[in-house]
């Protein structure tokens, strides 16, 4: 062998390590981000209250249009009143909607649609993290991934799709 084969093998051997780091970091980051929003959407974190929608407008950013509604937020216990509250959602003017005030001072809409949506994204993050673990198992010389990890990946995928479906239906019907 002229050395090229060995060098190529060394380069390919480094790729799984980078892929594992990227998958694990992306999985942890996505799960943390989505789980935080899930906690606000379900009311487990933040300050609960209501926003009285006074005005809505469409903002143009980067060639796209985004809804932006504002009004007065009042916490359920009456301790927080924010006359300049705003949320990036298209809501009917005059309506009162349930929101959670988050730690950063922003607002998260509560309800079935947003809760199941954030649950689906957090499950996606767990799936990405699990894929990183599966790459490590495959790199260890095992010809096949452990059956339990594959079953867990399938269950997470099914739950993610179910959560996305429920969130989508709830968001379209606005019944919940």
Protein backbone atom coordinates (compact mmCIF):
# COMPACT_ATOMS: atom_id res chain seq x y z
CA UNK A 1 0.00 0.00 0.00
CA UNK A 2 1.35 3.45 -0.87
CA UNK A 3 0.23 5.22 2.30
CA UNK A 4 -2.81 6.89 0.77
CA UNK A 5 -5.07 4.13 1.99
CA UNK A 6 -3.86 4.49 5.56
CA UNK A 7 -4.17 8.27 5.48
CA UNK A 8 -7.74 8.01 4.16
CA UNK A 9 -8.57 5.58 6.95
CA UNK A 10 -7.20 8.02 9.52
CA UNK A 11 -9.28 10.89 8.11
CA UNK A 12 -12.44 8.76 8.07
CA UNK A 13 -11.76 7.59 11.62
CA UNK A 14 -11.92 11.22 12.86
CA UNK A 15 -15.27 11.93 11.22
CA UNK A 16 -17.42 9.81 13.57
CA UNK A 17 -15.95 11.63 16.58
CA UNK A 18 -16.94 14.98 15.13
CA UNK A 19 -20.35 13.62 14.17
CA UNK A 20 -20.90 12.30 17.69
CA UNK A 21 -19.99 15.65 19.24
CA UNK A 22 -22.29 17.50 16.83
CA UNK A 23 -25.20 15.09 17.37
CA UNK A 24 -24.86 15.10 21.16
CA UNK A 25 -24.48 18.89 21.35
CA UNK A 26 -27.43 19.45 18.98
CA UNK A 27 -29.55 16.92 20.89
CA UNK A 28 -28.82 18.49 24.26
CA UNK A 29 -29.31 22.04 22.96
CA UNK A 30 -32.57 21.31 21.16
CA UNK A 31 -33.97 19.32 24.08
CA UNK A 32 -33.09 22.04 26.58
CA UNK A 33 -34.52 24.82 24.39
CA UNK A 34 -37.77 22.96 23.67
CA UNK A 35 -38.19 21.68 27.24
CA UNK A 36 -37.89 25.25 28.55
CA UNK A 37 -40.61 26.46 26.19
CA UNK A 38 -42.69 23.35 26.99
CA UNK A 39 -42.57 24.27 30.70
CA UNK A 40 -43.88 27.76 29.89
CA UNK A 41 -46.54 26.50 27.44
CA UNK A 42 -47.93 24.06 30.00
CA UNK A 43 -47.86 26.59 32.82
CA UNK A 44 -45.21 24.76 34.84
CA UNK A 45 -42.92 27.82 34.74
CA UNK A 46 -43.37 31.55 34.39
CA UNK A 47 -46.03 33.96 35.57
CA UNK A 48 -49.56 33.06 34.41
CA UNK A 49 -51.85 35.81 33.21
CA UNK A 50 -53.88 37.21 30.34
CA UNK A 51 -53.16 39.57 27.48
CA UNK A 52 -55.92 41.88 26.27
CA UNK A 53 -55.07 42.27 22.57
CA UNK A 54 -55.27 45.95 21.60
CA UNK A 55 -53.43 46.01 18.27
CA UNK A 56 -51.89 43.69 15.71
CA UNK A 57 -49.58 44.40 12.80
CA UNK A 58 -47.53 42.48 10.28
CA UNK A 59 -43.81 43.22 10.33
CA UNK A 60 -41.59 42.71 7.30
CA UNK A 61 -38.22 41.18 8.16
CA UNK A 62 -35.89 39.66 5.59
CA UNK A 63 -38.56 39.36 2.92
CA UNK A 64 -41.00 37.58 5.26
CA UNK A 65 -44.08 38.81 7.09
CA UNK A 66 -44.51 38.09 10.79
CA UNK A 67 -47.52 38.85 13.01
CA UNK A 68 -47.00 40.98 16.08
CA UNK A 69 -49.79 41.69 18.59
CA UNK A 70 -49.61 43.89 21.65
CA UNK A 71 -51.75 44.93 24.58
CA UNK A 72 -51.91 44.88 28.36
CA UNK A 73 -50.74 41.80 30.28
CA UNK A 74 -52.12 41.22 33.77
CA UNK A 75 -50.88 38.34 35.89
CA UNK A 76 -53.48 36.06 37.43
CA UNK A 77 -52.55 37.19 40.94
CA UNK A 78 -52.54 40.89 39.95
CA UNK A 79 -48.91 41.52 40.92
CA UNK A 80 -47.64 42.09 37.36
CA UNK A 81 -49.15 44.55 34.89
CA UNK A 82 -47.31 45.21 31.63
CA UNK A 83 -49.03 47.80 29.41
CA UNK A 84 -46.51 47.17 26.60
CA UNK A 85 -46.75 43.39 26.36
CA UNK A 86 -46.36 41.85 22.92
CA UNK A 87 -46.24 38.42 21.32
CA UNK A 88 -45.35 37.21 17.84
CA UNK A 89 -48.74 35.65 17.12
CA UNK A 90 -51.70 36.69 14.99
CA UNK A 91 -54.54 37.13 17.48
CA UNK A 92 -57.97 38.74 17.14
CA UNK A 93 -57.99 42.36 18.39
CA UNK A 94 -60.19 42.67 21.46
CA UNK A 95 -59.71 39.06 22.59
CA UNK A 96 -58.14 38.07 25.87
CA UNK A 97 -55.64 35.19 25.64
CA UNK A 98 -53.86 33.18 28.32
CA UNK A 99 -50.09 33.69 28.38
CA UNK A 100 -47.14 32.90 30.58
CA UNK A 101 -44.59 35.62 31.22
CA UNK A 102 -41.15 34.04 30.85
CA UNK A 103 -38.02 34.83 32.83
CA UNK A 104 -36.61 37.04 30.05
CA UNK A 105 -39.72 39.25 30.13
CA UNK A 106 -41.23 37.83 26.94
CA UNK A 107 -44.45 35.86 26.64
CA UNK A 108 -45.37 32.30 25.70
CA UNK A 109 -48.86 31.24 24.67
CA UNK A 110 -50.30 28.43 26.76
CA UNK A 111 -52.60 25.66 25.68
CA UNK A 112 -52.76 22.30 23.99
CA UNK A 113 -51.39 23.37 20.61
CA UNK A 114 -48.22 25.01 21.90
CA UNK A 115 -47.69 22.39 24.62
CA UNK A 116 -47.80 19.47 22.18
CA UNK A 117 -45.74 21.40 19.64
CA UNK A 118 -42.93 22.00 22.11
CA UNK A 119 -43.22 18.40 23.32
CA UNK A 120 -42.69 17.20 19.75
CA UNK A 121 -39.59 19.37 19.37
CA UNK A 122 -38.15 18.19 22.70
CA UNK A 123 -38.69 14.56 21.60
CA UNK A 124 -36.87 15.37 18.36
CA UNK A 125 -33.96 16.65 20.46
CA UNK A 126 -33.91 13.41 22.44
CA UNK A 127 -33.90 11.45 19.17
CA UNK A 128 -30.88 13.40 17.91
CA UNK A 129 -29.12 12.75 21.21
CA UNK A 130 -29.94 9.04 20.93
CA UNK A 131 -28.54 8.98 17.39
CA UNK A 132 -25.26 10.31 18.79
CA UNK A 133 -25.24 7.45 21.30
CA UNK A 134 -25.98 4.96 18.51
CA UNK A 135 -22.99 6.27 16.53
CA UNK A 136 -20.78 5.69 19.60
CA UNK A 137 -22.14 2.13 19.90
CA UNK A 138 -21.44 1.50 16.22
CA UNK A 139 -17.93 2.90 16.51
CA UNK A 140 -17.13 0.52 19.37
CA UNK A 141 -16.88 -2.37 16.94
CA UNK A 142 -20.41 -3.65 17.28
CA UNK A 143 -21.86 -4.66 13.94
CA UNK A 144 -25.40 -3.81 14.97
CA UNK A 145 -26.83 -1.21 17.26
CA UNK A 146 -28.33 -2.56 20.49
CA UNK A 147 -31.96 -3.52 19.91
CA UNK A 148 -33.14 -1.61 22.98
CA UNK A 149 -31.74 1.67 21.65
CA UNK A 150 -33.38 1.11 18.27
CA UNK A 151 -36.73 0.38 19.93
CA UNK A 152 -36.35 3.52 22.07
CA UNK A 153 -35.57 5.56 18.95
CA UNK A 154 -38.70 4.20 17.26
CA UNK A 155 -40.89 4.91 20.29
CA UNK A 156 -39.54 8.48 20.55
CA UNK A 157 -40.20 8.97 16.83
CA UNK A 158 -43.77 7.70 17.13
CA UNK A 159 -44.45 9.89 20.18
CA UNK A 160 -42.93 12.89 18.40
CA UNK A 161 -45.19 12.41 15.38
CA UNK A 162 -48.25 11.89 17.60
CA UNK A 163 -47.43 15.06 19.59
CA UNK A 164 -46.93 17.07 16.40
CA UNK A 165 -50.24 15.77 15.02
CA UNK A 166 -52.18 16.62 18.20
CA UNK A 167 -50.57 20.05 18.38
CA UNK A 168 -51.31 20.72 14.73
CA UNK A 169 -54.96 19.67 14.99
CA UNK A 170 -55.39 21.69 18.19
CA UNK A 171 -53.78 24.71 16.57
CA UNK A 172 -55.98 24.49 13.49
CA UNK A 173 -59.23 23.97 15.34
CA UNK A 174 -58.47 26.22 18.34
CA UNK A 175 -60.93 24.12 20.32
CA UNK A 176 -58.60 23.21 23.15
